[in-house]
PDB file of N, CA and C in Angstrom:
ATOM      1  N   MET A   1       0.819  -1.196   0.000  1.00  0.00           N
ATOM      2  CA  MET A   1       0.000   0.000   0.000  1.00  0.00           C
ATOM      3  C   MET A   1       0.860   1.255   0.000  1.00  0.00           C
ATOM      4  N   LEU A   2       1.873   1.246   0.822  1.00  0.00           N
ATOM      5  CA  LEU A   2       2.729   2.424   0.931  1.00  0.00           C
ATOM      6  C   LEU A   2       3.448   2.709  -0.378  1.00  0.00           C
ATOM      7  N   GLN A   3       3.922   1.676  -1.041  1.00  0.00           N
ATOM      8  CA  GLN A   3       4.574   1.863  -2.333  1.00  0.00           C
ATOM      9  C   GLN A   3       3.622   2.472  -3.351  1.00  0.00           C
ATOM     10  N   ASN A   4       2.379   2.048  -3.321  1.00  0.00           N
ATOM     11  CA  ASN A   4       1.383   2.605  -4.240  1.00  0.00           C
ATOM     12  C   ASN A   4       1.129   4.081  -3.965  1.00  0.00           C
ATOM     13  N   ILE A   5       1.117   4.464  -2.713  1.00  0.00           N
ATOM     14  CA  ILE A   5       0.908   5.874  -2.355  1.00  0.00           C
ATOM     15  C   ILE A   5       2.055   6.722  -2.885  1.00  0.00           C
ATOM     16  N   TYR A   6       3.276   6.272  -2.689  1.00  0.00           N
ATOM     17  CA  TYR A   6       4.427   7.041  -3.163  1.00  0.00           C
ATOM     18  C   TYR A   6       4.486   7.058  -4.696  1.00  0.00           C
ATOM     19  N   LYS A   7       4.137   5.956  -5.325  1.00  0.00           N
ATOM     20  CA  LYS A   7       4.117   5.927  -6.787  1.00  0.00           C
ATOM     21  C   LYS A   7       3.068   6.900  -7.322  1.00  0.00           C
ATOM     22  N   PHE A   8       1.887   6.884  -6.733  1.00  0.00           N
ATOM     23  CA  PHE A   8       0.832   7.805  -7.145  1.00  0.00           C
ATOM     24  C   PHE A   8       1.277   9.248  -6.929  1.00  0.00           C
ATOM     25  N   SER A   9       1.961   9.514  -5.822  1.00  0.00           N
ATOM     26  CA  SER A   9       2.421  10.868  -5.505  1.00  0.00           C
ATOM     27  C   SER A   9       3.454  11.372  -6.504  1.00  0.00           C
ATOM     28  N   LYS A  10       4.262  10.481  -7.037  1.00  0.00           N
ATOM     29  CA  LYS A  10       5.241  10.868  -8.045  1.00  0.00           C
ATOM     30  C   LYS A  10       4.578  11.220  -9.366  1.00  0.00           C
ATOM     31  N   GLU A  11       3.507  10.512  -9.690  1.00  0.00           N
ATOM     32  CA  GLU A  11       2.870  10.646 -10.995  1.00  0.00           C
ATOM     33  C   GLU A  11       1.730  11.660 -11.033  1.00  0.00           C
ATOM     34  N   ASN A  12       1.229  12.076  -9.872  1.00  0.00           N
ATOM     35  CA  ASN A  12       0.048  12.939  -9.803  1.00  0.00           C
ATOM     36  C   ASN A  12       0.239  14.041  -8.766  1.00  0.00           C
ATOM     37  N   GLN A  13      -0.442  15.140  -8.995  1.00  0.00           N
ATOM     38  CA  GLN A  13      -0.441  16.228  -8.023  1.00  0.00           C
ATOM     39  C   GLN A  13      -1.780  16.237  -7.291  1.00  0.00           C
ATOM     40  N   TYR A  14      -1.729  16.517  -6.008  1.00  0.00           N
ATOM     41  CA  TYR A  14      -2.937  16.620  -5.210  1.00  0.00           C
ATOM     42  C   TYR A  14      -2.643  17.498  -4.000  1.00  0.00           C
ATOM     43  N   ASN A  15      -3.700  18.046  -3.414  1.00  0.00           N
ATOM     44  CA  ASN A  15      -3.533  18.903  -2.239  1.00  0.00           C
ATOM     45  C   ASN A  15      -3.719  18.129  -0.940  1.00  0.00           C
ATOM     46  N   GLN A  16      -4.674  17.225  -0.930  1.00  0.00           N
ATOM     47  CA  GLN A  16      -4.958  16.442   0.264  1.00  0.00           C
ATOM     48  C   GLN A  16      -5.396  15.040  -0.131  1.00  0.00           C
ATOM     49  N   ALA A  17      -5.165  14.129   0.773  1.00  0.00           N
ATOM     50  CA  ALA A  17      -5.624  12.759   0.585  1.00  0.00           C
ATOM     51  C   ALA A  17      -5.835  12.141   1.959  1.00  0.00           C
ATOM     52  N   VAL A  18      -6.611  11.090   1.999  1.00  0.00           N
ATOM     53  CA  VAL A  18      -6.872  10.387   3.254  1.00  0.00           C
ATOM     54  C   VAL A  18      -6.501   8.923   3.064  1.00  0.00           C
ATOM     55  N   PHE A  19      -5.777   8.402   4.025  1.00  0.00           N
ATOM     56  CA  PHE A  19      -5.404   6.991   4.026  1.00  0.00           C
ATOM     57  C   PHE A  19      -5.865   6.413   5.357  1.00  0.00           C
ATOM     58  N   PHE A  20      -6.908   5.603   5.317  1.00  0.00           N
ATOM     59  CA  PHE A  20      -7.432   4.994   6.526  1.00  0.00           C
ATOM     60  C   PHE A  20      -6.624   3.748   6.848  1.00  0.00           C
ATOM     61  N   LEU A  21      -6.253   3.655   8.105  1.00  0.00           N
ATOM     62  CA  LEU A  21      -5.395   2.582   8.550  1.00  0.00           C
ATOM     63  C   LEU A  21      -5.864   2.133   9.927  1.00  0.00           C
ATOM     64  N   GLY A  22      -5.951   0.844  10.126  1.00  0.00           N
ATOM     65  CA  GLY A  22      -6.317   0.327  11.441  1.00  0.00           C
ATOM     66  C   GLY A  22      -5.248   0.648  12.472  1.00  0.00           C
ATOM     67  N   TYR A  23      -5.673   0.923  13.691  1.00  0.00           N
ATOM     68  CA  TYR A  23      -4.749   1.336  14.743  1.00  0.00           C
ATOM     69  C   TYR A  23      -3.650   0.304  14.992  1.00  0.00           C
ATOM     70  N   ALA A  24      -3.966  -0.956  14.852  1.00  0.00           N
ATOM     71  CA  ALA A  24      -2.980  -2.012  15.104  1.00  0.00           C
ATOM     72  C   ALA A  24      -1.810  -1.952  14.120  1.00  0.00           C
ATOM     73  N   HIS A  25      -1.997  -1.316  12.977  1.00  0.00           N
ATOM     74  CA  HIS A  25      -0.953  -1.226  11.952  1.00  0.00           C
ATOM     75  C   HIS A  25      -0.177   0.084  12.027  1.00  0.00           C
ATOM     76  N   ARG A  26      -0.540   0.957  12.911  1.00  0.00           N
ATOM     77  CA  ARG A  26       0.016   2.312  12.955  1.00  0.00           C
ATOM     78  C   ARG A  26       1.528   2.333  13.157  1.00  0.00           C
ATOM     79  N   LYS A  27       2.026   1.657  14.185  1.00  0.00           N
ATOM     80  CA  LYS A  27       3.465   1.711  14.474  1.00  0.00           C
ATOM     81  C   LYS A  27       4.288   1.122  13.336  1.00  0.00           C
ATOM     82  N   THR A  28       3.823   0.033  12.773  1.00  0.00           N
ATOM     83  CA  THR A  28       4.536  -0.582  11.646  1.00  0.00           C
ATOM     84  C   THR A  28       4.573   0.358  10.454  1.00  0.00           C
ATOM     85  N   MET A  29       3.442   1.012  10.175  1.00  0.00           N
ATOM     86  CA  MET A  29       3.374   1.926   9.032  1.00  0.00           C
ATOM     87  C   MET A  29       4.266   3.147   9.267  1.00  0.00           C
ATOM     88  N   GLU A  30       4.272   3.684  10.484  1.00  0.00           N
ATOM     89  CA  GLU A  30       5.152   4.823  10.788  1.00  0.00           C
ATOM     90  C   GLU A  30       6.612   4.444  10.547  1.00  0.00           C
ATOM     91  N   LYS A  31       7.000   3.254  10.954  1.00  0.00           N
ATOM     92  CA  LYS A  31       8.376   2.779  10.747  1.00  0.00           C
ATOM     93  C   LYS A  31       8.691   2.665   9.257  1.00  0.00           C
ATOM     94  N   LYS A  32       7.768   2.102   8.495  1.00  0.00           N
ATOM     95  CA  LYS A  32       7.989   1.944   7.056  1.00  0.00           C
ATOM     96  C   LYS A  32       8.051   3.287   6.344  1.00  0.00           C
ATOM     97  N   ILE A  33       7.264   4.250   6.813  1.00  0.00           N
ATOM     98  CA  ILE A  33       7.303   5.595   6.226  1.00  0.00           C
ATOM     99  C   ILE A  33       8.677   6.216   6.448  1.00  0.00           C
ATOM    100  N   LEU A  34       9.203   6.113   7.649  1.00  0.00           N
ATOM    101  CA  LEU A  34      10.535   6.665   7.937  1.00  0.00           C
ATOM    102  C   LEU A  34      11.602   5.991   7.083  1.00  0.00           C
ATOM    103  N   GLU A  35      11.528   4.690   6.925  1.00  0.00           N
ATOM    104  CA  GLU A  35      12.484   3.964   6.089  1.00  0.00           C
ATOM    105  C   GLU A  35      12.376   4.401   4.625  1.00  0.00           C
ATOM    106  N   HIS A  36      11.159   4.547   4.151  1.00  0.00           N
ATOM    107  CA  HIS A  36      10.941   4.910   2.747  1.00  0.00           C
ATOM    108  C   HIS A  36      11.425   6.328   2.480  1.00  0.00           C
ATOM    109  N   GLU A  37      11.171   7.248   3.403  1.00  0.00           N
ATOM    110  CA  GLU A  37      11.573   8.637   3.192  1.00  0.00           C
ATOM    111  C   GLU A  37      13.087   8.795   3.169  1.00  0.00           C
ATOM    112  N   SER A  38      13.801   7.937   3.853  1.00  0.00           N
ATOM    113  CA  SER A  38      15.259   8.032   3.834  1.00  0.00           C
ATOM    114  C   SER A  38      15.832   7.560   2.496  1.00  0.00           C
ATOM    115  N   LYS A  39      15.081   6.752   1.746  1.00  0.00           N
ATOM    116  CA  LYS A  39      15.545   6.210   0.470  1.00  0.00           C
ATOM    117  C   LYS A  39      15.062   7.000  -0.743  1.00  0.00           C
ATOM    118  N   ASP A  40      13.927   7.687  -0.617  1.00  0.00           N
ATOM    119  CA  ASP A  40      13.282   8.306  -1.767  1.00  0.00           C
ATOM    120  C   ASP A  40      13.366   9.820  -1.686  1.00  0.00           C
ATOM    121  N   ASP A  41      13.290  10.463  -2.841  1.00  0.00           N
ATOM    122  CA  ASP A  41      13.381  11.915  -2.879  1.00  0.00           C
ATOM    123  C   ASP A  41      12.032  12.603  -2.698  1.00  0.00           C
ATOM    124  N   ILE A  42      10.952  11.883  -2.846  1.00  0.00           N
ATOM    125  CA  ILE A  42       9.632  12.490  -2.664  1.00  0.00           C
ATOM    126  C   ILE A  42       9.238  12.437  -1.191  1.00  0.00           C
ATOM    127  N   LYS A  43       8.683  13.526  -0.707  1.00  0.00           N
ATOM    128  CA  LYS A  43       8.263  13.620   0.684  1.00  0.00           C
ATOM    129  C   LYS A  43       6.756  13.816   0.743  1.00  0.00           C
ATOM    130  N   VAL A  44       6.108  13.019   1.551  1.00  0.00           N
ATOM    131  CA  VAL A  44       4.678  13.132   1.778  1.00  0.00           C
ATOM    132  C   VAL A  44       4.499  13.634   3.204  1.00  0.00           C
ATOM    133  N   ASN A  45       3.670  14.636   3.388  1.00  0.00           N
ATOM    134  CA  ASN A  45       3.425  15.192   4.711  1.00  0.00           C
ATOM    135  C   ASN A  45       2.365  14.344   5.417  1.00  0.00           C
ATOM    136  N   TRP A  46       2.805  13.412   6.252  1.00  0.00           N
ATOM    137  CA  TRP A  46       1.912  12.510   6.935  1.00  0.00           C
ATOM    138  C   TRP A  46       1.447  13.121   8.252  1.00  0.00           C
ATOM    139  N   SER A  47       0.148  12.970   8.552  1.00  0.00           N
ATOM    140  CA  SER A  47      -0.422  13.382   9.844  1.00  0.00           C
ATOM    141  C   SER A  47      -1.182  12.202  10.397  1.00  0.00           C
ATOM    142  N   PHE A  48      -0.885  11.862  11.634  1.00  0.00           N
ATOM    143  CA  PHE A  48      -1.578  10.753  12.306  1.00  0.00           C
ATOM    144  C   PHE A  48      -2.469  11.320  13.397  1.00  0.00           C
ATOM    145  N   TYR A  49      -3.712  10.877  13.420  1.00  0.00           N
ATOM    146  CA  TYR A  49      -4.677  11.366  14.395  1.00  0.00           C
ATOM    147  C   TYR A  49      -5.111  10.205  15.283  1.00  0.00           C
ATOM    148  N   ASN A  50      -5.316  10.506  16.527  1.00  0.00           N
ATOM    149  CA  ASN A  50      -5.783   9.486  17.485  1.00  0.00           C
ATOM    150  C   ASN A  50      -7.290   9.404  17.472  1.00  0.00           C
TER     151      ASN A  50
END
């Protein structure tokens, strides 16, 4: 899923988007986002809400 988001972000422009994620997956996804951002030149402004 994360790879698809970054691929879409490279190919398309948008102002806002929503990605619904179950709470149990939150920590894993945050870790993968940090890993991906260190490798890729595109930056997505992620906001996590409780």
